[in-house]
Amino acid sequence: ESEFNTISRTEDMIQGFDINKKYFIQLFKKHLFLTPIQYLNRLRIEKCCNLLKTGSIPITQAALEVGYNDIKHFNVQFKKHTGIIPAEFLKKTKI
């Protein structure tokens, strides 16, 4: 979790461990009910929401800080996990 903003693939998560990728994914899903990438995206969006709640940085900067280099992908993931787009989230948290 501490490297959530630099990891982009399941292979990055298992680097340095002697474990098969498919087996790792199976174990991960068995215990967390999510794939490693689904978990990573959820974690990133949660961290981004916390950054946006402070109101001190723009959406794009928050997305970059949590590891999203593609803003379109970030927007899709944000809406998927929160049900709203980042701009709406900002409006709701400032009230």
C-alpha atoms as a PDB file:
ATOM      1  CA  GLU A   1       0.000   0.000   0.000  1.00  0.00           C
ATOM      2  CA  SER A   2       2.814   2.417   0.712  1.00  0.00           C
ATOM      3  CA  GLU A   3       3.777   2.395  -2.979  1.00  0.00           C
ATOM      4  CA  PHE A   4       0.248   2.675  -4.372  1.00  0.00           C
ATOM      5  CA  ASN A   5       1.127   5.690  -6.485  1.00  0.00           C
ATOM      6  CA  THR A   6       4.054   4.035  -8.283  1.00  0.00           C
ATOM      7  CA  ILE A   7       2.572   0.602  -8.978  1.00  0.00           C
ATOM      8  CA  SER A   8       0.693   0.137 -12.223  1.00  0.00           C
ATOM      9  CA  ARG A   9       0.612  -3.610 -12.832  1.00  0.00           C
ATOM     10  CA  THR A  10       0.157  -6.805 -10.855  1.00  0.00           C
ATOM     11  CA  GLU A  11       3.727  -7.733 -11.817  1.00  0.00           C
ATOM     12  CA  ASP A  12       4.932  -4.656  -9.915  1.00  0.00           C
ATOM     13  CA  MET A  13       3.152  -5.914  -6.799  1.00  0.00           C
ATOM     14  CA  ILE A  14       4.839  -9.308  -6.796  1.00  0.00           C
ATOM     15  CA  GLN A  15       8.291  -8.098  -7.797  1.00  0.00           C
ATOM     16  CA  GLY A  16      10.860  -9.551  -5.417  1.00  0.00           C
ATOM     17  CA  PHE A  17       8.569 -12.387  -4.317  1.00  0.00           C
ATOM     18  CA  ASP A  18       8.696 -15.930  -5.606  1.00  0.00           C
ATOM     19  CA  ILE A  19       5.001 -16.274  -6.428  1.00  0.00           C
ATOM     20  CA  ASN A  20       3.111 -17.020  -9.604  1.00  0.00           C
ATOM     21  CA  LYS A  21       1.030 -14.078 -10.869  1.00  0.00           C
ATOM     22  CA  LYS A  22      -2.155 -16.132 -11.316  1.00  0.00           C
ATOM     23  CA  TYR A  23      -1.808 -17.666  -7.872  1.00  0.00           C
ATOM     24  CA  PHE A  24      -1.238 -14.236  -6.339  1.00  0.00           C
ATOM     25  CA  ILE A  25      -4.394 -12.916  -7.984  1.00  0.00           C
ATOM     26  CA  GLN A  26      -6.380 -15.938  -6.759  1.00  0.00           C
ATOM     27  CA  LEU A  27      -5.158 -15.437  -3.173  1.00  0.00           C
ATOM     28  CA  PHE A  28      -5.822 -11.716  -3.324  1.00  0.00           C
ATOM     29  CA  LYS A  29      -9.381 -12.228  -4.580  1.00  0.00           C
ATOM     30  CA  LYS A  30     -10.029 -14.939  -2.022  1.00  0.00           C
ATOM     31  CA  HIS A  31      -9.143 -12.663   0.894  1.00  0.00           C
ATOM     32  CA  LEU A  32     -10.148  -9.204  -0.333  1.00  0.00           C
ATOM     33  CA  PHE A  33     -12.844 -10.058  -2.900  1.00  0.00           C
ATOM     34  CA  LEU A  34     -11.115  -7.785  -5.416  1.00  0.00           C
ATOM     35  CA  THR A  35      -8.360  -8.243  -7.954  1.00  0.00           C
ATOM     36  CA  PRO A  36      -5.087  -6.497  -7.086  1.00  0.00           C
ATOM     37  CA  ILE A  37      -5.755  -3.831  -9.724  1.00  0.00           C
ATOM     38  CA  GLN A  38      -9.314  -3.247  -8.488  1.00  0.00           C
ATOM     39  CA  TYR A  39      -7.924  -2.829  -4.972  1.00  0.00           C
ATOM     40  CA  LEU A  40      -5.220  -0.479  -6.224  1.00  0.00           C
ATOM     41  CA  ASN A  41      -7.763   1.703  -8.044  1.00  0.00           C
ATOM     42  CA  ARG A  42     -10.040   1.809  -5.002  1.00  0.00           C
ATOM     43  CA  LEU A  43      -7.121   2.787  -2.773  1.00  0.00           C
ATOM     44  CA  ARG A  44      -5.999   5.495  -5.194  1.00  0.00           C
ATOM     45  CA  ILE A  45      -9.484   6.999  -5.405  1.00  0.00           C
ATOM     46  CA  GLU A  46      -9.816   6.993  -1.595  1.00  0.00           C
ATOM     47  CA  LYS A  47      -6.458   8.765  -1.272  1.00  0.00           C
ATOM     48  CA  CYS A  48      -7.468  11.225  -3.982  1.00  0.00           C
ATOM     49  CA  CYS A  49     -10.749  11.995  -2.204  1.00  0.00           C
ATOM     50  CA  ASN A  50      -8.785  12.772   0.945  1.00  0.00           C
ATOM     51  CA  LEU A  51      -6.514  15.117  -0.995  1.00  0.00           C
ATOM     52  CA  LEU A  52      -9.460  16.852  -2.651  1.00  0.00           C
ATOM     53  CA  LYS A  53     -11.250  17.315   0.680  1.00  0.00           C
ATOM     54  CA  THR A  54      -8.405  19.541   1.828  1.00  0.00           C
ATOM     55  CA  GLY A  55      -9.248  21.850  -1.068  1.00  0.00           C
ATOM     56  CA  SER A  56      -5.643  22.865  -1.445  1.00  0.00           C
ATOM     57  CA  ILE A  57      -4.785  21.209  -4.776  1.00  0.00           C
ATOM     58  CA  PRO A  58      -6.471  20.978  -8.176  1.00  0.00           C
ATOM     59  CA  ILE A  59      -8.076  17.747  -9.392  1.00  0.00           C
ATOM     60  CA  THR A  60      -5.354  17.082 -11.964  1.00  0.00           C
ATOM     61  CA  GLN A  61      -2.596  17.411  -9.397  1.00  0.00           C
ATOM     62  CA  ALA A  62      -4.417  15.116  -6.965  1.00  0.00           C
ATOM     63  CA  ALA A  63      -4.820  12.522  -9.730  1.00  0.00           C
ATOM     64  CA  LEU A  64      -1.125  12.679 -10.538  1.00  0.00           C
ATOM     65  CA  GLU A  65      -0.122  12.409  -6.880  1.00  0.00           C
ATOM     66  CA  VAL A  66      -2.065   9.198  -6.395  1.00  0.00           C
ATOM     67  CA  GLY A  67      -0.568   7.608  -9.505  1.00  0.00           C
ATOM     68  CA  TYR A  68      -2.910   8.374 -12.393  1.00  0.00           C
ATOM     69  CA  ASN A  69      -1.015   9.680 -15.408  1.00  0.00           C
ATOM     70  CA  ASP A  70      -4.036   9.511 -17.710  1.00  0.00           C
ATOM     71  CA  ILE A  71      -6.733  11.957 -16.623  1.00  0.00           C
ATOM     72  CA  LYS A  72      -9.432  10.264 -18.738  1.00  0.00           C
ATOM     73  CA  HIS A  73      -8.738   6.957 -16.991  1.00  0.00           C
ATOM     74  CA  PHE A  74      -8.722   8.744 -13.644  1.00  0.00           C
ATOM     75  CA  ASN A  75     -12.126  10.315 -14.336  1.00  0.00           C
ATOM     76  CA  VAL A  76     -13.594   6.942 -15.315  1.00  0.00           C
ATOM     77  CA  GLN A  77     -12.216   5.279 -12.180  1.00  0.00           C
ATOM     78  CA  PHE A  78     -13.298   8.157  -9.950  1.00  0.00           C
ATOM     79  CA  LYS A  79     -16.886   7.996 -11.200  1.00  0.00           C
ATOM     80  CA  LYS A  80     -16.894   4.204 -11.013  1.00  0.00           C
ATOM     81  CA  HIS A  81     -15.872   4.263  -7.345  1.00  0.00           C
ATOM     82  CA  THR A  82     -17.729   7.351  -6.105  1.00  0.00           C
ATOM     83  CA  GLY A  83     -20.674   7.606  -8.483  1.00  0.00           C
ATOM     84  CA  ILE A  84     -19.817  11.204  -9.368  1.00  0.00           C
ATOM     85  CA  ILE A  85     -17.159  13.046 -11.344  1.00  0.00           C
ATOM     86  CA  PRO A  86     -14.322  14.769  -9.467  1.00  0.00           C
ATOM     87  CA  ALA A  87     -15.746  18.271 -10.007  1.00  0.00           C
ATOM     88  CA  GLU A  88     -19.058  17.224  -8.419  1.00  0.00           C
ATOM     89  CA  PHE A  89     -17.144  15.681  -5.525  1.00  0.00           C
ATOM     90  CA  LEU A  90     -15.381  19.004  -4.958  1.00  0.00           C
ATOM     91  CA  LYS A  91     -18.694  20.876  -4.942  1.00  0.00           C
ATOM     92  CA  LYS A  92     -20.204  18.458  -2.426  1.00  0.00           C
ATOM     93  CA  THR A  93     -17.228  18.558  -0.081  1.00  0.00           C
ATOM     94  CA  LYS A  94     -17.045  22.364  -0.036  1.00  0.00           C
ATOM     95  CA  ILE A  95     -20.619  22.717   1.207  1.00  0.00           C
END
